C-alpha atoms as a PDB file:
ATOM      1  CA  MET A   1      -2.511 -23.056  -4.495  1.00  0.00           C
ATOM      2  CA  ALA A   2      -4.405 -19.846  -3.862  1.00  0.00           C
ATOM      3  CA  ALA A   3      -2.006 -16.904  -3.055  1.00  0.00           C
ATOM      4  CA  VAL A   4      -1.739 -15.541   0.469  1.00  0.00           C
ATOM      5  CA  VAL A   5      -3.452 -12.123   0.636  1.00  0.00           C
ATOM      6  CA  ASN A   6      -2.055 -10.049   3.718  1.00  0.00           C
ATOM      7  CA  THR A   7      -3.509  -6.557   4.753  1.00  0.00           C
ATOM      8  CA  GLY A   8      -2.253  -4.639   7.397  1.00  0.00           C
ATOM      9  CA  THR A   9      -0.258  -1.143   8.527  1.00  0.00           C
ATOM     10  CA  ASP A  10       3.163  -0.702   6.497  1.00  0.00           C
ATOM     11  CA  GLU A  11       5.762  -0.008   9.513  1.00  0.00           C
ATOM     12  CA  GLU A  12       7.774   2.491   7.924  1.00  0.00           C
ATOM     13  CA  SER A  13       4.878   4.486   6.377  1.00  0.00           C
ATOM     14  CA  ARG A  14       2.110   3.791   8.978  1.00  0.00           C
ATOM     15  CA  LEU A  15      -0.522   3.611   6.297  1.00  0.00           C
ATOM     16  CA  PRO A  16      -2.474   0.501   4.993  1.00  0.00           C
ATOM     17  CA  TYR A  17      -1.284  -1.864   2.327  1.00  0.00           C
ATOM     18  CA  TRP A  18      -2.460  -5.233   0.642  1.00  0.00           C
ATOM     19  CA  GLU A  19      -0.206  -8.005  -0.183  1.00  0.00           C
ATOM     20  CA  ILE A  20       0.117 -11.047  -2.289  1.00  0.00           C
ATOM     21  CA  VAL A  21       2.587 -13.387  -0.978  1.00  0.00           C
ATOM     22  CA  GLU A  22       2.976 -16.915  -3.369  1.00  0.00           C
ATOM     23  CA  PRO A  23       5.906 -19.303  -3.639  1.00  0.00           C
ATOM     24  CA  GLY A  24       8.455 -16.960  -5.240  1.00  0.00           C
ATOM     25  CA  VAL A  25       6.696 -13.657  -5.397  1.00  0.00           C
ATOM     26  CA  SER A  26       5.506 -10.971  -3.066  1.00  0.00           C
ATOM     27  CA  ILE A  27       3.538  -7.725  -4.303  1.00  0.00           C
ATOM     28  CA  ARG A  28       2.901  -5.031  -1.743  1.00  0.00           C
ATOM     29  CA  LEU A  29       0.603  -2.046  -2.569  1.00  0.00           C
ATOM     30  CA  VAL A  30       1.320   0.767   0.104  1.00  0.00           C
ATOM     31  CA  GLN A  31      -1.434   3.943   0.008  1.00  0.00           C
ATOM     32  CA  ARG A  32       0.218   7.188  -0.362  1.00  0.00           C
ATOM     33  CA  LEU A  33      -1.956   9.995   1.311  1.00  0.00           C
ATOM     34  CA  PRO A  34      -2.731  12.541  -1.792  1.00  0.00           C
ATOM     35  CA  ASP A  35      -0.720  15.213   0.695  1.00  0.00           C
ATOM     36  CA  GLN A  36       2.096  13.123   0.043  1.00  0.00           C
ATOM     37  CA  THR A  37       2.043  12.970  -3.456  1.00  0.00           C
ATOM     38  CA  ARG A  38       1.204  16.606  -4.050  1.00  0.00           C
ATOM     39  CA  GLY A  39       4.377  17.399  -2.175  1.00  0.00           C
ATOM     40  CA  PHE A  40       6.356  15.196  -3.772  1.00  0.00           C
ATOM     41  CA  PHE A  41       5.563  16.056  -7.401  1.00  0.00           C
ATOM     42  CA  GLN A  42       5.430  19.953  -7.025  1.00  0.00           C
ATOM     43  CA  ALA A  43       8.906  19.518  -5.434  1.00  0.00           C
ATOM     44  CA  ARG A  44      10.110  17.976  -9.005  1.00  0.00           C
ATOM     45  CA  GLY A  45       8.519  20.449 -11.086  1.00  0.00           C
ATOM     46  CA  PHE A  46       4.887  19.671 -11.525  1.00  0.00           C
ATOM     47  CA  SER A  47       2.253  22.581 -11.506  1.00  0.00           C
ATOM     48  CA  VAL A  48      -0.184  22.905  -8.635  1.00  0.00           C
ATOM     49  CA  GLU A  49      -2.625  21.879 -11.237  1.00  0.00           C
ATOM     50  CA  ASP A  50      -0.760  18.852 -12.815  1.00  0.00           C
ATOM     51  CA  SER A  51       0.488  17.708  -9.208  1.00  0.00           C
ATOM     52  CA  GLU A  52      -3.341  17.754  -8.148  1.00  0.00           C
ATOM     53  CA  LEU A  53      -4.422  15.645 -11.324  1.00  0.00           C
ATOM     54  CA  ILE A  54      -1.818  13.055 -10.005  1.00  0.00           C
ATOM     55  CA  ALA A  55      -2.772  13.310  -6.207  1.00  0.00           C
ATOM     56  CA  GLN A  56      -6.522  12.802  -7.146  1.00  0.00           C
ATOM     57  CA  GLY A  57      -5.878   9.517  -8.835  1.00  0.00           C
ATOM     58  CA  CYS A  58      -5.354   6.939  -5.964  1.00  0.00           C
ATOM     59  CA  VAL A  59      -1.622   6.474  -5.739  1.00  0.00           C
ATOM     60  CA  PHE A  60       0.190   3.437  -4.167  1.00  0.00           C
ATOM     61  CA  GLN A  61       3.637   2.625  -3.439  1.00  0.00           C
ATOM     62  CA  THR A  62       3.929  -0.732  -4.968  1.00  0.00           C
ATOM     63  CA  VAL A  63       7.024  -3.386  -3.826  1.00  0.00           C
ATOM     64  CA  PHE A  64       7.565  -6.098  -6.445  1.00  0.00           C
ATOM     65  CA  LYS A  65       9.967  -8.933  -5.329  1.00  0.00           C
ATOM     66  CA  ASN A  66      11.149 -12.192  -6.528  1.00  0.00           C
ATOM     67  CA  ILE A  67      11.531 -14.320  -3.214  1.00  0.00           C
ATOM     68  CA  SER A  68      12.243 -17.653  -4.825  1.00  0.00           C
ATOM     69  CA  ALA A  69      14.627 -19.674  -2.827  1.00  0.00           C
ATOM     70  CA  SER A  70      17.930 -20.370  -4.326  1.00  0.00           C
ATOM     71  CA  SER A  71      17.014 -24.259  -3.720  1.00  0.00           C
ATOM     72  CA  GLU A  72      14.272 -23.654  -6.193  1.00  0.00           C
ATOM     73  CA  PRO A  73      14.939 -20.556  -8.383  1.00  0.00           C
ATOM     74  CA  SER A  74      12.267 -18.876 -10.606  1.00  0.00           C
ATOM     75  CA  THR A  75      11.977 -15.976 -12.999  1.00  0.00           C
ATOM     76  CA  ILE A  76       9.089 -13.894 -12.924  1.00  0.00           C
ATOM     77  CA  GLU A  77       7.807 -11.275 -15.186  1.00  0.00           C
ATOM     78  CA  TYR A  78       4.998  -9.107 -15.176  1.00  0.00           C
ATOM     79  CA  ASN A  79       2.983  -6.570 -17.521  1.00  0.00           C
ATOM     80  CA  LEU A  80       1.052  -3.867 -16.121  1.00  0.00           C
ATOM     81  CA  ARG A  81      -1.119  -3.880 -18.876  1.00  0.00           C
ATOM     82  CA  ASP A  82      -2.246  -7.185 -18.371  1.00  0.00           C
ATOM     83  CA  TRP A  83      -3.431  -6.114 -14.598  1.00  0.00           C
ATOM     84  CA  VAL A  84      -7.222  -5.247 -13.974  1.00  0.00           C
ATOM     85  CA  VAL A  85      -8.977  -2.573 -11.836  1.00  0.00           C
ATOM     86  CA  ARG A  86     -12.446  -3.721 -10.669  1.00  0.00           C
ATOM     87  CA  ALA A  87     -14.419  -0.809  -9.288  1.00  0.00           C
ATOM     88  CA  ALA A  88     -18.336   0.210  -9.222  1.00  0.00           C
ATOM     89  CA  GLY A  89     -19.096  -2.432 -11.436  1.00  0.00           C
ATOM     90  CA  ALA A  90     -16.402  -1.846 -14.347  1.00  0.00           C
ATOM     91  CA  ARG A  91     -13.187  -3.366 -15.289  1.00  0.00           C
ATOM     92  CA  ARG A  92     -10.335  -1.495 -16.766  1.00  0.00           C
ATOM     93  CA  GLY A  93      -6.424  -1.515 -17.213  1.00  0.00           C
ATOM     94  CA  LEU A  94      -3.910   0.567 -15.676  1.00  0.00           C
ATOM     95  CA  LYS A  95      -2.448   3.895 -16.947  1.00  0.00           C
ATOM     96  CA  THR A  96       1.228   3.238 -17.892  1.00  0.00           C
ATOM     97  CA  ARG A  97       4.072   5.394 -18.004  1.00  0.00           C
ATOM     98  CA  GLU A  98       4.077   5.016 -21.712  1.00  0.00           C
ATOM     99  CA  ASP A  99       0.250   6.842 -21.314  1.00  0.00           C
ATOM    100  CA  TRP A 100       1.365   9.133 -18.990  1.00  0.00           C
ATOM    101  CA  GLN A 101       4.184  10.354 -21.228  1.00  0.00           C
ATOM    102  CA  LYS A 102       1.605  11.163 -24.029  1.00  0.00           C
ATOM    103  CA  GLU A 103      -0.572  12.955 -21.479  1.00  0.00           C
ATOM    104  CA  TRP A 104       2.656  15.080 -20.136  1.00  0.00           C
ATOM    105  CA  SER A 105       3.688  16.111 -23.250  1.00  0.00           C
ATOM    106  CA  ALA A 106       0.069  17.150 -24.382  1.00  0.00           C
ATOM    107  CA  ARG A 107      -0.060  19.187 -21.098  1.00  0.00           C
ATOM    108  CA  LYS A 108       3.270  20.165 -21.664  1.00  0.00           C
ATOM    109  CA  ALA A 109       4.622  19.790 -18.012  1.00  0.00           C
ATOM    110  CA  PRO A 110       8.406  20.498 -17.988  1.00  0.00           C
ATOM    111  CA  GLN A 111      10.929  17.940 -19.363  1.00  0.00           C
ATOM    112  CA  PRO A 112      12.440  17.413 -15.575  1.00  0.00           C
ATOM    113  CA  ALA A 113       9.251  17.007 -13.955  1.00  0.00           C
ATOM    114  CA  GLN A 114       7.837  14.429 -16.943  1.00  0.00           C
ATOM    115  CA  LEU A 115      11.555  12.434 -16.329  1.00  0.00           C
ATOM    116  CA  ALA A 116      10.768  12.531 -12.598  1.00  0.00           C
ATOM    117  CA  PHE A 117       7.302  11.063 -13.009  1.00  0.00           C
ATOM    118  CA  GLU A 118       8.514   8.327 -15.287  1.00  0.00           C
ATOM    119  CA  TRP A 119      11.285   7.066 -12.868  1.00  0.00           C
ATOM    120  CA  SER A 120       8.903   7.461  -9.751  1.00  0.00           C
ATOM    121  CA  LEU A 121       6.438   4.847 -11.464  1.00  0.00           C
ATOM    122  CA  LEU A 122       6.561   1.019 -11.376  1.00  0.00           C
ATOM    123  CA  PRO A 123       7.912  -0.205 -14.878  1.00  0.00           C
ATOM    124  CA  THR A 124       5.299  -1.349 -17.246  1.00  0.00           C
ATOM    125  CA  ARG A 125       7.090  -4.325 -17.752  1.00  0.00           C
ATOM    126  CA  GLN A 126       9.960  -6.278 -15.873  1.00  0.00           C
ATOM    127  CA  THR A 127      11.824  -9.489 -15.278  1.00  0.00           C
ATOM    128  CA  TYR A 128      13.170 -10.755 -11.634  1.00  0.00           C
ATOM    129  CA  ARG A 129      15.520 -13.134 -11.085  1.00  0.00           C
ATOM    130  CA  PRO A 130      16.039 -14.759  -7.537  1.00  0.00           C
ATOM    131  CA  GLY A 131      16.601 -12.111  -5.125  1.00  0.00           C
ATOM    132  CA  ASP A 132      15.440  -9.076  -7.550  1.00  0.00           C
ATOM    133  CA  TYR A 133      13.028  -6.573  -6.443  1.00  0.00           C
ATOM    134  CA  ASN A 134      11.719  -2.870  -7.588  1.00  0.00           C
ATOM    135  CA  TRP A 135       9.337  -0.642  -6.478  1.00  0.00           C
ATOM    136  CA  GLY A 136       7.511   2.491  -7.953  1.00  0.00           C
ATOM    137  CA  MET A 137       4.071   4.326  -7.636  1.00  0.00           C
ATOM    138  CA  MET A 138       1.113   2.923  -9.495  1.00  0.00           C
ATOM    139  CA  LEU A 139      -1.867   5.265 -10.495  1.00  0.00           C
ATOM    140  CA  PHE A 140      -5.347   3.614 -10.547  1.00  0.00           C
ATOM    141  CA  GLY A 141      -7.336   6.684 -11.528  1.00  0.00           C
ATOM    142  CA  LEU A 142      -9.643   6.331  -9.061  1.00  0.00           C
ATOM    143  CA  LYS A 143     -11.097   9.081  -6.349  1.00  0.00           C
ATOM    144  CA  PRO A 144      -9.631   9.229  -3.093  1.00  0.00           C
ATOM    145  CA  GLY A 145     -11.478   6.899  -0.843  1.00  0.00           C
ATOM    146  CA  THR A 146     -12.806   4.645  -3.708  1.00  0.00           C
ATOM    147  CA  GLY A 147     -12.678   1.073  -3.125  1.00  0.00           C
ATOM    148  CA  PHE A 148     -11.516  -1.600  -5.901  1.00  0.00           C
ATOM    149  CA  ASP A 149     -10.408  -5.158  -6.822  1.00  0.00           C
ATOM    150  CA  LEU A 150      -7.028  -5.613  -8.605  1.00  0.00           C
ATOM    151  CA  ASP A 151      -6.608  -8.457 -10.629  1.00  0.00           C
ATOM    152  CA  VAL A 152      -2.832  -8.957 -10.612  1.00  0.00           C
ATOM    153  CA  VAL A 153      -1.080 -11.196 -13.500  1.00  0.00           C
ATOM    154  CA  TRP A 154       2.509 -12.368 -13.671  1.00  0.00           C
ATOM    155  CA  HIS A 155       4.501 -15.248 -15.341  1.00  0.00           C
ATOM    156  CA  GLN A 156       6.597 -17.515 -13.271  1.00  0.00           C
ATOM    157  CA  ASP A 157       8.942 -19.735 -15.401  1.00  0.00           C
ATOM    158  CA  GLY A 158       7.031 -19.332 -18.248  1.00  0.00           C
ATOM    159  CA  LYS A 159       3.525 -20.137 -16.618  1.00  0.00           C
ATOM    160  CA  GLN A 160       0.672 -17.259 -16.180  1.00  0.00           C
ATOM    161  CA  ARG A 161      -0.189 -16.857 -12.206  1.00  0.00           C
ATOM    162  CA  THR A 162      -3.187 -14.321 -11.391  1.00  0.00           C
ATOM    163  CA  ALA A 163      -4.392 -13.304  -7.711  1.00  0.00           C
ATOM    164  CA  ARG A 164      -6.891 -11.009  -6.887  1.00  0.00           C
ATOM    165  CA  LEU A 165      -6.234  -8.114  -4.168  1.00  0.00           C
ATOM    166  CA  LYS A 166      -9.826  -7.579  -3.066  1.00  0.00           C
ATOM    167  CA  ALA A 167     -11.315  -4.490  -1.360  1.00  0.00           C
ATOM    168  CA  VAL A 168      -8.162  -2.394  -1.912  1.00  0.00           C
ATOM    169  CA  ARG A 169      -9.011   1.148  -0.793  1.00  0.00           C
ATOM    170  CA  CYS A 170      -7.400   4.556  -2.309  1.00  0.00           C
ATOM    171  CA  ALA A 171      -6.406   6.788   0.606  1.00  0.00           C
ATOM    172  CA  ALA A 172      -8.812   9.433   1.718  1.00  0.00           C
ATOM    173  CA  ASP A 173      -7.772  12.973   1.030  1.00  0.00           C
ATOM    174  CA  VAL A 174      -6.830  14.094   4.490  1.00  0.00           C
ATOM    175  CA  HIS A 175      -4.649  16.908   5.651  1.00  0.00           C
ATOM    176  CA  LEU A 176      -2.056  15.484   7.949  1.00  0.00           C
ATOM    177  CA  LYS A 177       1.410  16.524   9.658  1.00  0.00           C
ATOM    178  CA  PRO A 178       4.059  13.905   8.800  1.00  0.00           C
ATOM    179  CA  GLY A 179       4.216  13.133  12.793  1.00  0.00           C
ATOM    180  CA  ASP A 180      -0.009  12.825  12.979  1.00  0.00           C
ATOM    181  CA  LEU A 181       0.289   9.198  11.392  1.00  0.00           C
END
């Protein structure tokens, strides 16, 4: 059975989203504007230069849910290292919390900023029981406005499942006021 892929405008953020819904699992990516990201990370102690690096990296808020019914409970697991970004004819993996930790150490980012960044990201690996969910940011390392496909991989009751989100688009680097959305 192929996954249902939904797109639309997120009611809360009023920004575009892409979502996979399959029996037992829901995975939603919601655009974050570069300005939102700059403000968020500057407020957590990152320098203007470092917050710009993040803001220019195609950030999405990701919500991952185990929506399996109590009558058919499933355990869901994922590892972001299994996911593949397809853009401009190339394939590559995601930069995870662990990869970023090395970068921030090398850039000598303040420890409180590094901690805030780590906790803001979707965990690299996670297991969900029925009703569990989590959210966090994901950075795709693409320029604002870039389109890409994302191959999503998870394990459900020990079986590998995959789905592709097509024509996902990084938010443009536009300067809007919060009320402009």
